[in-house]
Amino acid sequence: MHKKLNWLKSALFSISLALAPVAINAQSATRQIEKSVTFHINRSDIDPALGNNAQSLSDINNFIEAANADSCIKVTEVMFCGYASPDGSLEFNKKLAKRRMETIEKLTIGGG
């Protein structure tokens, strides 16, 4: 197991939904969920069979769908926050983290 962990990297994704109330004089709110998605090292594609990825992606989608189904609110923004490990150059990791975020967005809010 220790050897296997050397080639896997986990990324914590925090998803925030900005919500605008439908009712007059109601207050705006933010709902948030944090889920971890595991990537193979130096890759941005998601292997649903890896780690707890299938459950995490399902939880993310369910969270977004529940917010969209609530007739009392309107989702005005969805934000994802993630990272890549500090291994390698800063420039490479910035690009990798961006590609990973794009993958998560496509699989959740992008209908991938």
C-alpha atoms as a PDB file:
ATOM      1  CA  MET A   1       0.000   0.000   0.000  1.00  0.00           C
ATOM      2  CA  HIS A   2       2.809   2.428   0.818  1.00  0.00           C
ATOM      3  CA  LYS A   3       4.302   1.912  -2.639  1.00  0.00           C
ATOM      4  CA  LYS A   4       0.938   2.595  -4.259  1.00  0.00           C
ATOM      5  CA  LEU A   5       0.628   5.915  -2.431  1.00  0.00           C
ATOM      6  CA  ASN A   6       3.849   7.116  -4.058  1.00  0.00           C
ATOM      7  CA  TRP A   7       2.152   7.462  -7.443  1.00  0.00           C
ATOM      8  CA  LEU A   8      -1.210   8.793  -6.314  1.00  0.00           C
ATOM      9  CA  LYS A   9      -2.044  12.343  -5.387  1.00  0.00           C
ATOM     10  CA  SER A  10      -5.199  13.503  -3.717  1.00  0.00           C
ATOM     11  CA  ALA A  11      -6.754  16.888  -4.299  1.00  0.00           C
ATOM     12  CA  LEU A  12      -9.319  18.470  -2.032  1.00  0.00           C
ATOM     13  CA  PHE A  13     -11.958  20.350  -3.942  1.00  0.00           C
ATOM     14  CA  SER A  14     -14.091  22.883  -2.185  1.00  0.00           C
ATOM     15  CA  ILE A  15     -17.236  23.700  -4.075  1.00  0.00           C
ATOM     16  CA  SER A  16     -19.110  26.847  -3.110  1.00  0.00           C
ATOM     17  CA  LEU A  17     -22.487  27.821  -4.468  1.00  0.00           C
ATOM     18  CA  ALA A  18     -23.534  31.463  -4.279  1.00  0.00           C
ATOM     19  CA  LEU A  19     -27.268  31.560  -3.819  1.00  0.00           C
ATOM     20  CA  ALA A  20     -29.653  34.410  -4.489  1.00  0.00           C
ATOM     21  CA  PRO A  21     -32.990  34.196  -2.673  1.00  0.00           C
ATOM     22  CA  VAL A  22     -36.154  34.173  -4.744  1.00  0.00           C
ATOM     23  CA  ALA A  23     -38.256  35.773  -1.989  1.00  0.00           C
ATOM     24  CA  ILE A  24     -38.107  39.546  -1.489  1.00  0.00           C
ATOM     25  CA  ASN A  25     -36.143  40.686   1.586  1.00  0.00           C
ATOM     26  CA  ALA A  26     -34.514  37.282   2.034  1.00  0.00           C
ATOM     27  CA  GLN A  27     -30.775  37.172   2.605  1.00  0.00           C
ATOM     28  CA  SER A  28     -28.156  35.769   0.251  1.00  0.00           C
ATOM     29  CA  ALA A  29     -26.326  32.668   1.381  1.00  0.00           C
ATOM     30  CA  THR A  30     -23.453  30.413   0.444  1.00  0.00           C
ATOM     31  CA  ARG A  31     -23.499  26.639   0.718  1.00  0.00           C
ATOM     32  CA  GLN A  32     -20.301  24.674   0.601  1.00  0.00           C
ATOM     33  CA  ILE A  33     -19.174  21.078   0.305  1.00  0.00           C
ATOM     34  CA  GLU A  34     -15.638  19.695   0.385  1.00  0.00           C
ATOM     35  CA  LYS A  35     -14.750  16.444  -1.333  1.00  0.00           C
ATOM     36  CA  SER A  36     -11.459  14.789  -2.122  1.00  0.00           C
ATOM     37  CA  VAL A  37     -10.708  13.460  -5.605  1.00  0.00           C
ATOM     38  CA  THR A  38      -7.616  11.342  -6.216  1.00  0.00           C
ATOM     39  CA  PHE A  39      -5.535  11.725  -9.370  1.00  0.00           C
ATOM     40  CA  HIS A  40      -2.707   9.665 -10.771  1.00  0.00           C
ATOM     41  CA  ILE A  41       0.518  11.652 -10.470  1.00  0.00           C
ATOM     42  CA  ASN A  42       1.049  14.251 -13.217  1.00  0.00           C
ATOM     43  CA  ARG A  43      -2.382  13.560 -14.717  1.00  0.00           C
ATOM     44  CA  SER A  44      -5.624  15.491 -14.817  1.00  0.00           C
ATOM     45  CA  ASP A  45      -8.023  12.768 -15.952  1.00  0.00           C
ATOM     46  CA  ILE A  46     -10.198  11.158 -13.288  1.00  0.00           C
ATOM     47  CA  ASP A  47     -10.292   7.431 -12.744  1.00  0.00           C
ATOM     48  CA  PRO A  48     -13.708   6.819 -11.102  1.00  0.00           C
ATOM     49  CA  ALA A  49     -12.497   3.455  -9.770  1.00  0.00           C
ATOM     50  CA  LEU A  50      -9.572   5.058  -7.959  1.00  0.00           C
ATOM     51  CA  GLY A  51      -9.947   5.616  -4.237  1.00  0.00           C
ATOM     52  CA  ASN A  52     -13.277   7.191  -3.298  1.00  0.00           C
ATOM     53  CA  ASN A  53     -13.648   9.127  -6.572  1.00  0.00           C
ATOM     54  CA  ALA A  54     -17.002   7.637  -7.625  1.00  0.00           C
ATOM     55  CA  GLN A  55     -18.617   8.572  -4.296  1.00  0.00           C
ATOM     56  CA  SER A  56     -17.022  12.037  -4.226  1.00  0.00           C
ATOM     57  CA  LEU A  57     -18.236  12.857  -7.753  1.00  0.00           C
ATOM     58  CA  SER A  58     -21.701  11.571  -6.900  1.00  0.00           C
ATOM     59  CA  ASP A  59     -21.791  13.705  -3.743  1.00  0.00           C
ATOM     60  CA  ILE A  60     -20.694  16.801  -5.692  1.00  0.00           C
ATOM     61  CA  ASN A  61     -23.353  16.256  -8.363  1.00  0.00           C
ATOM     62  CA  ASN A  62     -26.059  15.577  -5.758  1.00  0.00           C
ATOM     63  CA  PHE A  63     -25.108  18.766  -3.913  1.00  0.00           C
ATOM     64  CA  ILE A  64     -25.382  20.886  -7.062  1.00  0.00           C
ATOM     65  CA  GLU A  65     -28.608  19.191  -8.194  1.00  0.00           C
ATOM     66  CA  ALA A  66     -30.241  19.734  -4.771  1.00  0.00           C
ATOM     67  CA  ALA A  67     -29.385  23.422  -4.882  1.00  0.00           C
ATOM     68  CA  ASN A  68     -30.747  23.743  -8.423  1.00  0.00           C
ATOM     69  CA  ALA A  69     -33.958  21.910  -7.439  1.00  0.00           C
ATOM     70  CA  ASP A  70     -34.725  24.265  -4.539  1.00  0.00           C
ATOM     71  CA  SER A  71     -37.384  26.661  -5.823  1.00  0.00           C
ATOM     72  CA  CYS A  72     -36.625  29.155  -3.046  1.00  0.00           C
ATOM     73  CA  ILE A  73     -33.132  29.886  -4.278  1.00  0.00           C
ATOM     74  CA  LYS A  74     -31.284  30.629  -7.475  1.00  0.00           C
ATOM     75  CA  VAL A  75     -27.706  29.439  -7.935  1.00  0.00           C
ATOM     76  CA  THR A  76     -25.743  32.473  -9.125  1.00  0.00           C
ATOM     77  CA  GLU A  77     -22.214  31.092  -9.018  1.00  0.00           C
ATOM     78  CA  VAL A  78     -20.359  27.801  -8.603  1.00  0.00           C
ATOM     79  CA  MET A  79     -16.718  27.990  -7.552  1.00  0.00           C
ATOM     80  CA  PHE A  80     -14.190  25.186  -7.388  1.00  0.00           C
ATOM     81  CA  CYS A  81     -10.948  25.358  -5.453  1.00  0.00           C
ATOM     82  CA  GLY A  82      -8.224  22.725  -5.794  1.00  0.00           C
ATOM     83  CA  TYR A  83      -4.497  22.113  -5.792  1.00  0.00           C
ATOM     84  CA  ALA A  84      -1.639  19.978  -7.077  1.00  0.00           C
ATOM     85  CA  SER A  85       1.133  18.586  -4.902  1.00  0.00           C
ATOM     86  CA  PRO A  86       4.279  20.664  -4.382  1.00  0.00           C
ATOM     87  CA  ASP A  87       6.375  18.072  -6.249  1.00  0.00           C
ATOM     88  CA  GLY A  88       7.851  19.489  -9.438  1.00  0.00           C
ATOM     89  CA  SER A  89       8.052  23.062 -10.674  1.00  0.00           C
ATOM     90  CA  LEU A  90       5.593  25.759  -9.654  1.00  0.00           C
ATOM     91  CA  GLU A  91       4.681  26.489 -13.283  1.00  0.00           C
ATOM     92  CA  PHE A  92       3.976  22.808 -14.039  1.00  0.00           C
ATOM     93  CA  ASN A  93       1.822  22.458 -10.906  1.00  0.00           C
ATOM     94  CA  LYS A  94      -0.184  25.599 -11.695  1.00  0.00           C
ATOM     95  CA  LYS A  95      -1.026  24.178 -15.117  1.00  0.00           C
ATOM     96  CA  LEU A  96      -1.776  20.734 -13.668  1.00  0.00           C
ATOM     97  CA  ALA A  97      -4.066  22.181 -10.988  1.00  0.00           C
ATOM     98  CA  LYS A  98      -5.894  24.203 -13.666  1.00  0.00           C
ATOM     99  CA  ARG A  99      -6.398  21.120 -15.858  1.00  0.00           C
ATOM    100  CA  ARG A 100      -7.687  19.174 -12.843  1.00  0.00           C
ATOM    101  CA  MET A 101     -10.162  21.939 -12.028  1.00  0.00           C
ATOM    102  CA  GLU A 102     -11.392  21.969 -15.613  1.00  0.00           C
ATOM    103  CA  THR A 103     -11.897  18.195 -15.459  1.00  0.00           C
ATOM    104  CA  ILE A 104     -13.954  18.469 -12.263  1.00  0.00           C
ATOM    105  CA  GLU A 105     -16.041  21.278 -13.760  1.00  0.00           C
ATOM    106  CA  LYS A 106     -16.770  19.267 -16.911  1.00  0.00           C
ATOM    107  CA  LEU A 107     -17.815  16.198 -14.912  1.00  0.00           C
ATOM    108  CA  THR A 108     -20.089  18.127 -12.596  1.00  0.00           C
ATOM    109  CA  ILE A 109     -21.565  21.389 -13.878  1.00  0.00           C
ATOM    110  CA  GLY A 110     -20.479  20.895 -17.492  1.00  0.00           C
ATOM    111  CA  GLY A 111     -22.566  17.796 -18.088  1.00  0.00           C
ATOM    112  CA  GLY A 112     -19.535  15.583 -18.762  1.00  0.00           C
END
